[in-house]
Amino acid sequence: SAMKGSWAGAMGQPQFLPSSYLDHAVDFDGD
């Protein structure tokens, strides 16, 4: 329910497609 994206499927503030999220998203705030 929180996995929000654009009409093209790009997600979140960086507008990553899910495959890009798996490859590049990081936990920088340590939570």
PDB file of all heavy atoms in Angstrom:
ATOM      1  N   SER A   1       0.823  -1.214   0.000  1.00  0.00           N
ATOM      2  CA  SER A   1       0.000   0.000   0.000  1.00  0.00           C
ATOM      3  C   SER A   1       0.853   1.259   0.000  1.00  0.00           C
ATOM      4  O   SER A   1       0.431   2.306  -0.497  1.00  0.00           O
ATOM      5  CB  SER A   1      -0.934   0.013   1.215  1.00  0.00           C
ATOM      6  OG  SER A   1      -0.185  -0.009   2.425  1.00  0.00           O
ATOM      7  N   ALA A   2       2.058   1.172   0.535  1.00  0.00           N
ATOM      8  CA  ALA A   2       2.956   2.340   0.595  1.00  0.00           C
ATOM      9  C   ALA A   2       3.894   2.411  -0.600  1.00  0.00           C
ATOM     10  O   ALA A   2       4.611   3.397  -0.754  1.00  0.00           O
ATOM     11  CB  ALA A   2       3.765   2.314   1.885  1.00  0.00           C
ATOM     12  N   MET A   3       3.884   1.394  -1.450  1.00  0.00           N
ATOM     13  CA  MET A   3       4.769   1.377  -2.615  1.00  0.00           C
ATOM     14  C   MET A   3       4.137   2.222  -3.720  1.00  0.00           C
ATOM     15  O   MET A   3       3.499   1.713  -4.630  1.00  0.00           O
ATOM     16  CB  MET A   3       5.010  -0.060  -3.093  1.00  0.00           C
ATOM     17  CG  MET A   3       6.041  -0.171  -4.210  1.00  0.00           C
ATOM     18  SD  MET A   3       6.218  -1.866  -4.853  1.00  0.00           S
ATOM     19  CE  MET A   3       7.319  -2.575  -3.655  1.00  0.00           C
ATOM     20  N   LYS A   4       4.350   3.525  -3.641  1.00  0.00           N
ATOM     21  CA  LYS A   4       3.719   4.460  -4.573  1.00  0.00           C
ATOM     22  C   LYS A   4       4.666   4.783  -5.729  1.00  0.00           C
ATOM     23  O   LYS A   4       5.884   4.867  -5.564  1.00  0.00           O
ATOM     24  CB  LYS A   4       3.326   5.747  -3.854  1.00  0.00           C
ATOM     25  CG  LYS A   4       2.297   5.554  -2.750  1.00  0.00           C
ATOM     26  CD  LYS A   4       0.962   5.057  -3.304  1.00  0.00           C
ATOM     27  CE  LYS A   4      -0.097   4.991  -2.225  1.00  0.00           C
ATOM     28  NZ  LYS A   4      -1.389   4.492  -2.752  1.00  0.00           N
ATOM     29  N   GLY A   5       4.076   4.966  -6.898  1.00  0.00           N
ATOM     30  CA  GLY A   5       4.867   5.282  -8.068  1.00  0.00           C
ATOM     31  C   GLY A   5       4.126   6.175  -9.030  1.00  0.00           C
ATOM     32  O   GLY A   5       2.983   6.588  -8.774  1.00  0.00           O
ATOM     33  N   SER A   6       4.764   6.460 -10.141  1.00  0.00           N
ATOM     34  CA  SER A   6       4.164   7.286 -11.187  1.00  0.00           C
ATOM     35  C   SER A   6       3.322   6.408 -12.097  1.00  0.00           C
ATOM     36  O   SER A   6       3.301   5.180 -11.968  1.00  0.00           O
ATOM     37  CB  SER A   6       5.260   7.967 -12.005  1.00  0.00           C
ATOM     38  OG  SER A   6       5.951   6.999 -12.787  1.00  0.00           O
ATOM     39  N   TRP A   7       2.667   7.025 -13.080  1.00  0.00           N
ATOM     40  CA  TRP A   7       1.882   6.262 -14.046  1.00  0.00           C
ATOM     41  C   TRP A   7       2.762   5.340 -14.880  1.00  0.00           C
ATOM     42  O   TRP A   7       2.286   4.390 -15.496  1.00  0.00           O
ATOM     43  CB  TRP A   7       1.088   7.197 -14.952  1.00  0.00           C
ATOM     44  CG  TRP A   7       1.940   8.116 -15.783  1.00  0.00           C
ATOM     45  CD1 TRP A   7       2.301   9.399 -15.481  1.00  0.00           C
ATOM     46  CD2 TRP A   7       2.554   7.815 -17.038  1.00  0.00           C
ATOM     47  NE1 TRP A   7       3.113   9.914 -16.473  1.00  0.00           N
ATOM     48  CE2 TRP A   7       3.280   8.962 -17.448  1.00  0.00           C
ATOM     49  CE3 TRP A   7       2.571   6.693 -17.868  1.00  0.00           C
ATOM     50  CZ2 TRP A   7       4.003   9.012 -18.635  1.00  0.00           C
ATOM     51  CZ3 TRP A   7       3.304   6.744 -19.064  1.00  0.00           C
ATOM     52  CH2 TRP A   7       3.999   7.897 -19.427  1.00  0.00           C
ATOM     53  N   ALA A   8       4.087   5.602 -14.893  1.00  0.00           N
ATOM     54  CA  ALA A   8       5.019   4.757 -15.641  1.00  0.00           C
ATOM     55  C   ALA A   8       5.655   3.679 -14.772  1.00  0.00           C
ATOM     56  O   ALA A   8       6.457   2.887 -15.265  1.00  0.00           O
ATOM     57  CB  ALA A   8       6.108   5.613 -16.271  1.00  0.00           C
ATOM     58  N   GLY A   9       5.329   3.662 -13.477  1.00  0.00           N
ATOM     59  CA  GLY A   9       5.848   2.641 -12.588  1.00  0.00           C
ATOM     60  C   GLY A   9       7.090   3.017 -11.821  1.00  0.00           C
ATOM     61  O   GLY A   9       7.592   2.228 -11.019  1.00  0.00           O
ATOM     62  N   ALA A  10       7.643   4.240 -12.036  1.00  0.00           N
ATOM     63  CA  ALA A  10       8.835   4.679 -11.310  1.00  0.00           C
ATOM     64  C   ALA A  10       8.439   5.103  -9.900  1.00  0.00           C
ATOM     65  O   ALA A  10       7.440   5.793  -9.703  1.00  0.00           O
ATOM     66  CB  ALA A  10       9.511   5.827 -12.039  1.00  0.00           C
ATOM     67  N   MET A  11       9.248   4.706  -8.912  1.00  0.00           N
ATOM     68  CA  MET A  11       8.821   4.793  -7.518  1.00  0.00           C
ATOM     69  C   MET A  11       9.600   5.843  -6.720  1.00  0.00           C
ATOM     70  O   MET A  11      10.792   6.056  -6.914  1.00  0.00           O
ATOM     71  CB  MET A  11       9.014   3.440  -6.843  1.00  0.00           C
ATOM     72  CG  MET A  11       8.352   2.271  -7.553  1.00  0.00           C
ATOM     73  SD  MET A  11       8.509   0.712  -6.634  1.00  0.00           S
ATOM     74  CE  MET A  11      10.282   0.610  -6.392  1.00  0.00           C
ATOM     75  N   GLY A  12       8.879   6.459  -5.784  1.00  0.00           N
ATOM     76  CA  GLY A  12       9.488   7.272  -4.760  1.00  0.00           C
ATOM     77  C   GLY A  12      10.153   8.538  -5.251  1.00  0.00           C
ATOM     78  O   GLY A  12       9.981   8.974  -6.389  1.00  0.00           O
ATOM     79  N   GLN A  13      10.929   9.139  -4.351  1.00  0.00           N
ATOM     80  CA  GLN A  13      11.555  10.427  -4.645  1.00  0.00           C
ATOM     81  C   GLN A  13      12.613  10.361  -5.753  1.00  0.00           C
ATOM     82  O   GLN A  13      12.711  11.282  -6.555  1.00  0.00           O
ATOM     83  CB  GLN A  13      12.157  10.995  -3.360  1.00  0.00           C
ATOM     84  CG  GLN A  13      11.113  11.280  -2.287  1.00  0.00           C
ATOM     85  CD  GLN A  13      11.702  11.919  -1.042  1.00  0.00           C
ATOM     86  OE1 GLN A  13      12.623  12.741  -1.120  1.00  0.00           O
ATOM     87  NE2 GLN A  13      11.190  11.534   0.124  1.00  0.00           N
ATOM     88  N   PRO A  14      13.399   9.280  -5.864  1.00  0.00           N
ATOM     89  CA  PRO A  14      14.349   9.204  -6.981  1.00  0.00           C
ATOM     90  C   PRO A  14      13.727   8.704  -8.268  1.00  0.00           C
ATOM     91  O   PRO A  14      14.391   8.696  -9.297  1.00  0.00           O
ATOM     92  CB  PRO A  14      15.400   8.195  -6.483  1.00  0.00           C
ATOM     93  CG  PRO A  14      15.112   7.954  -5.045  1.00  0.00           C
ATOM     94  CD  PRO A  14      13.657   8.233  -4.867  1.00  0.00           C
ATOM     95  N   GLN A  15      12.473   8.233  -8.212  1.00  0.00           N
ATOM     96  CA  GLN A  15      11.779   7.670  -9.368  1.00  0.00           C
ATOM     97  C   GLN A  15      12.534   6.477  -9.948  1.00  0.00           C
ATOM     98  O   GLN A  15      12.899   6.439 -11.124  1.00  0.00           O
ATOM     99  CB  GLN A  15      11.525   8.742 -10.429  1.00  0.00           C
ATOM    100  CG  GLN A  15      10.406   9.716 -10.060  1.00  0.00           C
ATOM    101  CD  GLN A  15       9.038   9.039 -10.073  1.00  0.00           C
ATOM    102  OE1 GLN A  15       8.402   8.933 -11.105  1.00  0.00           O
ATOM    103  NE2 GLN A  15       8.575   8.588  -8.909  1.00  0.00           N
ATOM    104  N   PHE A  16      12.737   5.478  -9.092  1.00  0.00           N
ATOM    105  CA  PHE A  16      13.371   4.223  -9.485  1.00  0.00           C
ATOM    106  C   PHE A  16      12.313   3.220  -9.929  1.00  0.00           C
ATOM    107  O   PHE A  16      11.285   3.056  -9.258  1.00  0.00           O
ATOM    108  CB  PHE A  16      14.108   3.592  -8.298  1.00  0.00           C
ATOM    109  CG  PHE A  16      15.451   4.173  -7.980  1.00  0.00           C
ATOM    110  CD1 PHE A  16      16.162   3.713  -6.882  1.00  0.00           C
ATOM    111  CD2 PHE A  16      16.017   5.174  -8.752  1.00  0.00           C
ATOM    112  CE1 PHE A  16      17.405   4.227  -6.556  1.00  0.00           C
ATOM    113  CE2 PHE A  16      17.261   5.709  -8.436  1.00  0.00           C
ATOM    114  CZ  PHE A  16      17.961   5.223  -7.327  1.00  0.00           C
ATOM    115  N   LEU A  17      12.560   2.523 -11.021  1.00  0.00           N
ATOM    116  CA  LEU A  17      11.815   1.311 -11.287  1.00  0.00           C
ATOM    117  C   LEU A  17      12.233   0.260 -10.256  1.00  0.00           C
ATOM    118  O   LEU A  17      13.321   0.357  -9.664  1.00  0.00           O
ATOM    119  CB  LEU A  17      12.088   0.814 -12.698  1.00  0.00           C
ATOM    120  CG  LEU A  17      11.432   1.613 -13.832  1.00  0.00           C
ATOM    121  CD1 LEU A  17      11.972   1.152 -15.185  1.00  0.00           C
ATOM    122  CD2 LEU A  17       9.910   1.482 -13.799  1.00  0.00           C
ATOM    123  N   PRO A  18      11.391  -0.744  -9.999  1.00  0.00           N
ATOM    124  CA  PRO A  18      11.748  -1.728  -8.970  1.00  0.00           C
ATOM    125  C   PRO A  18      13.102  -2.386  -9.172  1.00  0.00           C
ATOM    126  O   PRO A  18      13.835  -2.619  -8.201  1.00  0.00           O
ATOM    127  CB  PRO A  18      10.601  -2.735  -9.065  1.00  0.00           C
ATOM    128  CG  PRO A  18       9.432  -1.922  -9.513  1.00  0.00           C
ATOM    129  CD  PRO A  18       9.999  -0.926 -10.476  1.00  0.00           C
ATOM    130  N   SER A  19      13.481  -2.704 -10.412  1.00  0.00           N
ATOM    131  CA  SER A  19      14.784  -3.324 -10.636  1.00  0.00           C
ATOM    132  C   SER A  19      15.917  -2.377 -10.255  1.00  0.00           C
ATOM    133  O   SER A  19      16.947  -2.813  -9.717  1.00  0.00           O
ATOM    134  CB  SER A  19      14.931  -3.765 -12.092  1.00  0.00           C
ATOM    135  OG  SER A  19      14.804  -2.655 -12.974  1.00  0.00           O
ATOM    136  N   SER A  20      15.742  -1.079 -10.499  1.00  0.00           N
ATOM    137  CA  SER A  20      16.759  -0.102 -10.089  1.00  0.00           C
ATOM    138  C   SER A  20      16.812   0.011  -8.577  1.00  0.00           C
ATOM    139  O   SER A  20      17.894   0.188  -7.993  1.00  0.00           O
ATOM    140  CB  SER A  20      16.458   1.262 -10.713  1.00  0.00           C
ATOM    141  OG  SER A  20      16.617   1.226 -12.112  1.00  0.00           O
ATOM    142  N   TYR A  21      15.659  -0.082  -7.943  1.00  0.00           N
ATOM    143  CA  TYR A  21      15.631  -0.076  -6.476  1.00  0.00           C
ATOM    144  C   TYR A  21      16.461  -1.236  -5.934  1.00  0.00           C
ATOM    145  O   TYR A  21      17.294  -1.053  -5.034  1.00  0.00           O
ATOM    146  CB  TYR A  21      14.187  -0.180  -5.991  1.00  0.00           C
ATOM    147  CG  TYR A  21      14.046  -0.271  -4.483  1.00  0.00           C
ATOM    148  CD1 TYR A  21      13.742   0.860  -3.731  1.00  0.00           C
ATOM    149  CD2 TYR A  21      14.218  -1.488  -3.823  1.00  0.00           C
ATOM    150  CE1 TYR A  21      13.618   0.771  -2.343  1.00  0.00           C
ATOM    151  CE2 TYR A  21      14.098  -1.583  -2.445  1.00  0.00           C
ATOM    152  CZ  TYR A  21      13.801  -0.447  -1.714  1.00  0.00           C
ATOM    153  OH  TYR A  21      13.688  -0.531  -0.350  1.00  0.00           O
ATOM    154  N   LEU A  22      16.248  -2.437  -6.454  1.00  0.00           N
ATOM    155  CA  LEU A  22      16.992  -3.597  -5.970  1.00  0.00           C
ATOM    156  C   LEU A  22      18.488  -3.418  -6.168  1.00  0.00           C
ATOM    157  O   LEU A  22      19.289  -3.834  -5.327  1.00  0.00           O
ATOM    158  CB  LEU A  22      16.521  -4.863  -6.689  1.00  0.00           C
ATOM    159  CG  LEU A  22      15.110  -5.356  -6.347  1.00  0.00           C
ATOM    160  CD1 LEU A  22      14.756  -6.559  -7.211  1.00  0.00           C
ATOM    161  CD2 LEU A  22      14.986  -5.701  -4.868  1.00  0.00           C
ATOM    162  N   ASP A  23      18.879  -2.781  -7.260  1.00  0.00           N
ATOM    163  CA  ASP A  23      20.303  -2.626  -7.583  1.00  0.00           C
ATOM    164  C   ASP A  23      20.964  -1.456  -6.869  1.00  0.00           C
ATOM    165  O   ASP A  23      22.169  -1.522  -6.567  1.00  0.00           O
ATOM    166  CB  ASP A  23      20.483  -2.445  -9.093  1.00  0.00           C
ATOM    167  CG  ASP A  23      20.179  -3.698  -9.883  1.00  0.00           C
ATOM    168  OD1 ASP A  23      20.193  -4.795  -9.301  1.00  0.00           O
ATOM    169  OD2 ASP A  23      19.903  -3.575 -11.098  1.00  0.00           O
ATOM    170  N   HIS A  24      20.214  -0.386  -6.590  1.00  0.00           N
ATOM    171  CA  HIS A  24      20.866   0.865  -6.198  1.00  0.00           C
ATOM    172  C   HIS A  24      20.368   1.508  -4.910  1.00  0.00           C
ATOM    173  O   HIS A  24      21.069   2.360  -4.351  1.00  0.00           O
ATOM    174  CB  HIS A  24      20.726   1.891  -7.329  1.00  0.00           C
ATOM    175  CG  HIS A  24      21.221   1.417  -8.648  1.00  0.00           C
ATOM    176  ND1 HIS A  24      22.538   1.062  -8.878  1.00  0.00           N
ATOM    177  CD2 HIS A  24      20.584   1.218  -9.837  1.00  0.00           C
ATOM    178  CE1 HIS A  24      22.689   0.671 -10.130  1.00  0.00           C
ATOM    179  NE2 HIS A  24      21.519   0.750 -10.732  1.00  0.00           N
ATOM    180  N   ALA A  25      19.182   1.168  -4.437  1.00  0.00           N
ATOM    181  CA  ALA A  25      18.669   1.821  -3.228  1.00  0.00           C
ATOM    182  C   ALA A  25      19.499   1.438  -2.012  1.00  0.00           C
ATOM    183  O   ALA A  25      19.947   0.291  -1.889  1.00  0.00           O
ATOM    184  CB  ALA A  25      17.204   1.439  -3.008  1.00  0.00           C
ATOM    185  N   VAL A  26      19.722   2.402  -1.124  1.00  0.00           N
ATOM    186  CA  VAL A  26      20.538   2.166   0.073  1.00  0.00           C
ATOM    187  C   VAL A  26      19.825   2.701   1.309  1.00  0.00           C
ATOM    188  O   VAL A  26      19.011   3.621   1.235  1.00  0.00           O
ATOM    189  CB  VAL A  26      21.931   2.830  -0.051  1.00  0.00           C
ATOM    190  CG1 VAL A  26      22.744   2.207  -1.171  1.00  0.00           C
ATOM    191  CG2 VAL A  26      21.809   4.327  -0.259  1.00  0.00           C
ATOM    192  N   ASP A  27      20.170   2.109   2.431  1.00  0.00           N
ATOM    193  CA  ASP A  27      19.694   2.584   3.734  1.00  0.00           C
ATOM    194  C   ASP A  27      20.770   3.476   4.315  1.00  0.00           C
ATOM    195  O   ASP A  27      21.724   3.000   4.926  1.00  0.00           O
ATOM    196  CB  ASP A  27      19.403   1.381   4.640  1.00  0.00           C
ATOM    197  CG  ASP A  27      19.135   1.803   6.089  1.00  0.00           C
ATOM    198  OD1 ASP A  27      18.716   2.960   6.298  1.00  0.00           O
ATOM    199  OD2 ASP A  27      19.351   0.967   6.990  1.00  0.00           O
ATOM    200  N   PHE A  28      20.631   4.781   4.117  1.00  0.00           N
ATOM    201  CA  PHE A  28      21.681   5.707   4.575  1.00  0.00           C
ATOM    202  C   PHE A  28      21.395   6.270   5.959  1.00  0.00           C
ATOM    203  O   PHE A  28      22.308   6.723   6.639  1.00  0.00           O
ATOM    204  CB  PHE A  28      21.850   6.858   3.578  1.00  0.00           C
ATOM    205  CG  PHE A  28      23.184   7.536   3.655  1.00  0.00           C
ATOM    206  CD1 PHE A  28      24.318   6.942   3.111  1.00  0.00           C
ATOM    207  CD2 PHE A  28      23.323   8.764   4.277  1.00  0.00           C
ATOM    208  CE1 PHE A  28      25.566   7.555   3.184  1.00  0.00           C
ATOM    209  CE2 PHE A  28      24.557   9.395   4.356  1.00  0.00           C
ATOM    210  CZ  PHE A  28      25.690   8.785   3.811  1.00  0.00           C
ATOM    211  N   ASP A  29      20.126   6.259   6.363  1.00  0.00           N
ATOM    212  CA  ASP A  29      19.816   6.796   7.695  1.00  0.00           C
ATOM    213  C   ASP A  29      19.906   5.739   8.789  1.00  0.00           C
ATOM    214  O   ASP A  29      19.712   6.034   9.967  1.00  0.00           O
ATOM    215  CB  ASP A  29      18.437   7.476   7.712  1.00  0.00           C
ATOM    216  CG  ASP A  29      17.304   6.519   7.365  1.00  0.00           C
ATOM    217  OD1 ASP A  29      17.508   5.292   7.391  1.00  0.00           O
ATOM    218  OD2 ASP A  29      16.198   7.023   7.061  1.00  0.00           O
ATOM    219  N   GLY A  30      20.193   4.490   8.400  1.00  0.00           N
ATOM    220  CA  GLY A  30      20.486   3.445   9.378  1.00  0.00           C
ATOM    221  C   GLY A  30      19.289   2.883  10.115  1.00  0.00           C
ATOM    222  O   GLY A  30      19.473   2.262  11.170  1.00  0.00           O
ATOM    223  N   ASP A  31      18.083   3.021   9.552  1.00  0.00           N
ATOM    224  CA  ASP A  31      16.910   2.485  10.246  1.00  0.00           C
ATOM    225  C   ASP A  31      16.566   1.058   9.821  1.00  0.00           C
ATOM    226  O   ASP A  31      15.546   0.507  10.240  1.00  0.00           O
ATOM    227  CB  ASP A  31      15.692   3.391  10.051  1.00  0.00           C
ATOM    228  CG  ASP A  31      15.170   3.390   8.616  1.00  0.00           C
ATOM    229  OD1 ASP A  31      15.834   2.819   7.731  1.00  0.00           O
ATOM    230  OD2 ASP A  31      14.099   3.995   8.382  1.00  0.00           O
TER     231      ASP A  31
END
